[in-house]
Amino acid sequence: MRMIGGLLIAGCLLSRATIAQAPASEFQPVATMKQLMVEIIHPASNEILLAVNRGQLRSDQEWTAVRRAALALAESGNLLIMRNRASDWVAESRSLIDAGTAVYKAADAKDARAIASLTDRIDASCTSCHKKFRPALFAPVK
């Protein structure tokens, strides 16, 4: 009986180790980078920024919308990392994850002031990444 229990435990540990070491190629991204930005990240950040600027954080529905948008931002950082594992890219993506996570926690606590204080972090996360990886967006207009 002990032998069977030991084998079961060893089997579980091995299967967990195998899962943890699964190659990144097992992920199958569906959206393009542009689709992620236009369809998920930009609308999610706008949802948060507009809710703060309009003072729309009163009803449960409004708090839910901000929580949902914050989760979209945070998880989008993970989706971005799936596409590129370069250290600068990962650092920028983690900035988005951190900002989205902080907004989610503040929205979950229904702390409008905390969310308002985090809007600069969202903006800085996007701006910093775009300056590094999309510098043409910040080129002077001639």
C-alpha atoms as a PDB file:
ATOM      1  CA  MET A   1       0.000   0.000   0.000  1.00  0.00           C
ATOM      2  CA  ARG A   2       2.832   2.381   0.868  1.00  0.00           C
ATOM      3  CA  MET A   3       4.474   1.506  -2.414  1.00  0.00           C
ATOM      4  CA  ILE A   4       1.341   2.468  -4.344  1.00  0.00           C
ATOM      5  CA  GLY A   5       1.013   5.722  -2.398  1.00  0.00           C
ATOM      6  CA  GLY A   6       4.665   6.521  -3.075  1.00  0.00           C
ATOM      7  CA  LEU A   7       4.239   5.814  -6.768  1.00  0.00           C
ATOM      8  CA  LEU A   8       1.155   8.039  -6.929  1.00  0.00           C
ATOM      9  CA  ILE A   9       2.982  10.891  -5.238  1.00  0.00           C
ATOM     10  CA  ALA A  10       5.997  10.466  -7.519  1.00  0.00           C
ATOM     11  CA  GLY A  11       3.708  10.407 -10.542  1.00  0.00           C
ATOM     12  CA  CYS A  12       2.012  13.619  -9.474  1.00  0.00           C
ATOM     13  CA  LEU A  13       5.334  15.331  -8.859  1.00  0.00           C
ATOM     14  CA  LEU A  14       6.683  14.255 -12.233  1.00  0.00           C
ATOM     15  CA  SER A  15       3.559  15.390 -14.068  1.00  0.00           C
ATOM     16  CA  ARG A  16       3.724  18.793 -12.330  1.00  0.00           C
ATOM     17  CA  ALA A  17       7.393  19.138 -13.260  1.00  0.00           C
ATOM     18  CA  THR A  18       6.574  18.248 -16.854  1.00  0.00           C
ATOM     19  CA  ILE A  19       3.797  20.844 -16.978  1.00  0.00           C
ATOM     20  CA  ALA A  20       6.061  23.511 -15.449  1.00  0.00           C
ATOM     21  CA  GLN A  21       8.717  22.791 -18.080  1.00  0.00           C
ATOM     22  CA  ALA A  22       6.327  22.742 -21.032  1.00  0.00           C
ATOM     23  CA  PRO A  23       7.849  24.584 -23.967  1.00  0.00           C
ATOM     24  CA  ALA A  24       6.365  27.967 -24.899  1.00  0.00           C
ATOM     25  CA  SER A  25       5.495  26.525 -28.308  1.00  0.00           C
ATOM     26  CA  GLU A  26       2.483  24.857 -26.709  1.00  0.00           C
ATOM     27  CA  PHE A  27       0.847  28.281 -26.527  1.00  0.00           C
ATOM     28  CA  GLN A  28      -1.097  29.226 -29.604  1.00  0.00           C
ATOM     29  CA  PRO A  29      -1.553  33.001 -29.792  1.00  0.00           C
ATOM     30  CA  VAL A  30      -4.627  33.903 -31.791  1.00  0.00           C
ATOM     31  CA  ALA A  31      -4.542  37.691 -31.927  1.00  0.00           C
ATOM     32  CA  THR A  32      -1.890  39.750 -33.645  1.00  0.00           C
ATOM     33  CA  MET A  33      -0.011  42.369 -31.651  1.00  0.00           C
ATOM     34  CA  LYS A  34      -2.144  45.060 -33.274  1.00  0.00           C
ATOM     35  CA  GLN A  35      -5.341  43.217 -32.329  1.00  0.00           C
ATOM     36  CA  LEU A  36      -4.193  42.920 -28.718  1.00  0.00           C
ATOM     37  CA  MET A  37      -3.499  46.642 -28.593  1.00  0.00           C
ATOM     38  CA  VAL A  38      -6.600  47.813 -30.454  1.00  0.00           C
ATOM     39  CA  GLU A  39      -9.133  45.254 -29.233  1.00  0.00           C
ATOM     40  CA  ILE A  40      -8.065  44.612 -25.631  1.00  0.00           C
ATOM     41  CA  ILE A  41      -5.367  46.851 -24.148  1.00  0.00           C
ATOM     42  CA  HIS A  42      -6.449  50.254 -25.455  1.00  0.00           C
ATOM     43  CA  PRO A  43     -10.164  49.775 -24.644  1.00  0.00           C
ATOM     44  CA  ALA A  44      -9.332  48.416 -21.178  1.00  0.00           C
ATOM     45  CA  SER A  45      -7.075  51.342 -20.319  1.00  0.00           C
ATOM     46  CA  ASN A  46      -9.645  53.774 -21.685  1.00  0.00           C
ATOM     47  CA  GLU A  47     -12.393  52.140 -19.613  1.00  0.00           C
ATOM     48  CA  ILE A  48     -10.394  52.793 -16.455  1.00  0.00           C
ATOM     49  CA  LEU A  49      -9.248  56.298 -17.367  1.00  0.00           C
ATOM     50  CA  LEU A  50     -12.706  57.428 -18.471  1.00  0.00           C
ATOM     51  CA  ALA A  51     -14.364  55.996 -15.356  1.00  0.00           C
ATOM     52  CA  VAL A  52     -11.951  57.979 -13.187  1.00  0.00           C
ATOM     53  CA  ASN A  53     -12.211  61.186 -15.223  1.00  0.00           C
ATOM     54  CA  ARG A  54     -16.011  61.064 -15.314  1.00  0.00           C
ATOM     55  CA  GLY A  55     -16.344  60.100 -11.661  1.00  0.00           C
ATOM     56  CA  GLN A  56     -18.224  56.965 -12.705  1.00  0.00           C
ATOM     57  CA  LEU A  57     -17.348  54.712  -9.832  1.00  0.00           C
ATOM     58  CA  ARG A  58     -20.577  54.530  -7.902  1.00  0.00           C
ATOM     59  CA  SER A  59     -22.636  51.511  -8.912  1.00  0.00           C
ATOM     60  CA  ASP A  60     -21.686  47.854  -8.680  1.00  0.00           C
ATOM     61  CA  GLN A  61     -21.886  47.706 -12.467  1.00  0.00           C
ATOM     62  CA  GLU A  62     -19.306  50.501 -12.819  1.00  0.00           C
ATOM     63  CA  TRP A  63     -16.953  48.838 -10.332  1.00  0.00           C
ATOM     64  CA  THR A  64     -17.344  45.548 -12.198  1.00  0.00           C
ATOM     65  CA  ALA A  65     -16.455  47.238 -15.496  1.00  0.00           C
ATOM     66  CA  VAL A  66     -13.276  48.689 -13.985  1.00  0.00           C
ATOM     67  CA  ARG A  67     -12.292  45.369 -12.407  1.00  0.00           C
ATOM     68  CA  ARG A  68     -12.858  43.634 -15.737  1.00  0.00           C
ATOM     69  CA  ALA A  69     -10.764  46.228 -17.580  1.00  0.00           C
ATOM     70  CA  ALA A  70      -7.990  45.965 -14.981  1.00  0.00           C
ATOM     71  CA  LEU A  71      -7.874  42.171 -15.382  1.00  0.00           C
ATOM     72  CA  ALA A  72      -7.728  42.598 -19.149  1.00  0.00           C
ATOM     73  CA  LEU A  73      -4.700  44.892 -18.766  1.00  0.00           C
ATOM     74  CA  ALA A  74      -2.935  42.599 -16.329  1.00  0.00           C
ATOM     75  CA  GLU A  75      -3.510  39.461 -18.377  1.00  0.00           C
ATOM     76  CA  SER A  76      -2.600  41.264 -21.592  1.00  0.00           C
ATOM     77  CA  GLY A  77       0.877  41.700 -20.165  1.00  0.00           C
ATOM     78  CA  ASN A  78       1.115  37.918 -19.972  1.00  0.00           C
ATOM     79  CA  LEU A  79      -0.109  37.626 -23.558  1.00  0.00           C
ATOM     80  CA  LEU A  80       2.581  40.082 -24.644  1.00  0.00           C
ATOM     81  CA  ILE A  81       5.267  38.025 -22.896  1.00  0.00           C
ATOM     82  CA  MET A  82       4.087  34.934 -24.792  1.00  0.00           C
ATOM     83  CA  ARG A  83       5.108  36.684 -27.994  1.00  0.00           C
ATOM     84  CA  ASN A  84       8.534  37.923 -26.972  1.00  0.00           C
ATOM     85  CA  ARG A  85      10.845  36.826 -24.162  1.00  0.00           C
ATOM     86  CA  ALA A  86      13.480  39.548 -24.609  1.00  0.00           C
ATOM     87  CA  SER A  87      14.320  41.081 -21.222  1.00  0.00           C
ATOM     88  CA  ASP A  88      13.283  44.669 -22.133  1.00  0.00           C
ATOM     89  CA  TRP A  89      10.003  43.416 -23.578  1.00  0.00           C
ATOM     90  CA  VAL A  90       9.278  41.294 -20.517  1.00  0.00           C
ATOM     91  CA  ALA A  91      10.060  44.223 -18.191  1.00  0.00           C
ATOM     92  CA  GLU A  92       7.657  46.496 -20.081  1.00  0.00           C
ATOM     93  CA  SER A  93       4.992  43.800 -20.121  1.00  0.00           C
ATOM     94  CA  ARG A  94       5.380  43.251 -16.392  1.00  0.00           C
ATOM     95  CA  SER A  95       4.843  46.957 -15.871  1.00  0.00           C
ATOM     96  CA  LEU A  96       1.438  46.538 -17.520  1.00  0.00           C
ATOM     97  CA  ILE A  97       0.730  43.462 -15.400  1.00  0.00           C
ATOM     98  CA  ASP A  98       1.624  45.354 -12.230  1.00  0.00           C
ATOM     99  CA  ALA A  99      -0.488  48.391 -13.126  1.00  0.00           C
ATOM    100  CA  GLY A 100      -3.490  46.262 -14.061  1.00  0.00           C
ATOM    101  CA  THR A 101      -3.158  44.193 -10.901  1.00  0.00           C
ATOM    102  CA  ALA A 102      -2.965  47.296  -8.710  1.00  0.00           C
ATOM    103  CA  VAL A 103      -6.072  48.775 -10.352  1.00  0.00           C
ATOM    104  CA  TYR A 104      -7.910  45.471  -9.923  1.00  0.00           C
ATOM    105  CA  LYS A 105      -7.118  45.372  -6.207  1.00  0.00           C
ATOM    106  CA  ALA A 106      -8.221  48.991  -5.787  1.00  0.00           C
ATOM    107  CA  ALA A 107     -11.449  48.364  -7.718  1.00  0.00           C
ATOM    108  CA  ASP A 108     -12.136  45.238  -5.716  1.00  0.00           C
ATOM    109  CA  ALA A 109     -11.811  47.369  -2.562  1.00  0.00           C
ATOM    110  CA  LYS A 110     -13.964  50.079  -4.226  1.00  0.00           C
ATOM    111  CA  ASP A 111     -11.202  52.611  -3.636  1.00  0.00           C
ATOM    112  CA  ALA A 112     -11.743  55.328  -6.245  1.00  0.00           C
ATOM    113  CA  ARG A 113      -8.875  57.458  -4.925  1.00  0.00           C
ATOM    114  CA  ALA A 114      -6.426  54.596  -5.293  1.00  0.00           C
ATOM    115  CA  ILE A 115      -7.586  53.976  -8.848  1.00  0.00           C
ATOM    116  CA  ALA A 116      -7.243  57.667  -9.670  1.00  0.00           C
ATOM    117  CA  SER A 117      -3.698  57.601  -8.298  1.00  0.00           C
ATOM    118  CA  LEU A 118      -2.882  54.628 -10.551  1.00  0.00           C
ATOM    119  CA  THR A 119      -3.926  56.204 -13.854  1.00  0.00           C
ATOM    120  CA  ASP A 120      -0.462  57.746 -14.280  1.00  0.00           C
ATOM    121  CA  ARG A 121       1.027  54.276 -13.828  1.00  0.00           C
ATOM    122  CA  ILE A 122      -1.150  52.891 -16.607  1.00  0.00           C
ATOM    123  CA  ASP A 123      -0.204  55.760 -18.896  1.00  0.00           C
ATOM    124  CA  ALA A 124       3.493  55.454 -18.024  1.00  0.00           C
ATOM    125  CA  SER A 125       3.432  51.730 -18.707  1.00  0.00           C
ATOM    126  CA  CYS A 126       2.013  52.221 -22.181  1.00  0.00           C
ATOM    127  CA  THR A 127       4.155  55.260 -23.004  1.00  0.00           C
ATOM    128  CA  SER A 128       7.409  53.675 -21.851  1.00  0.00           C
ATOM    129  CA  CYS A 129       6.830  50.554 -23.930  1.00  0.00           C
ATOM    130  CA  HIS A 130       5.754  52.469 -27.009  1.00  0.00           C
ATOM    131  CA  LYS A 131       8.785  54.772 -26.794  1.00  0.00           C
ATOM    132  CA  LYS A 132      11.050  51.706 -26.811  1.00  0.00           C
ATOM    133  CA  PHE A 133       9.241  49.526 -29.294  1.00  0.00           C
ATOM    134  CA  ARG A 134       7.136  51.950 -31.374  1.00  0.00           C
ATOM    135  CA  PRO A 135       9.291  55.104 -31.415  1.00  0.00           C
ATOM    136  CA  ALA A 136       7.596  56.354 -34.598  1.00  0.00           C
ATOM    137  CA  LEU A 137       4.518  57.075 -32.470  1.00  0.00           C
ATOM    138  CA  PHE A 138       6.543  59.769 -30.706  1.00  0.00           C
ATOM    139  CA  ALA A 139       8.385  61.185 -33.707  1.00  0.00           C
ATOM    140  CA  PRO A 140       8.131  64.970 -34.048  1.00  0.00           C
ATOM    141  CA  VAL A 141       5.521  66.103 -36.552  1.00  0.00           C
ATOM    142  CA  LYS A 142       7.070  68.047 -39.416  1.00  0.00           C
END
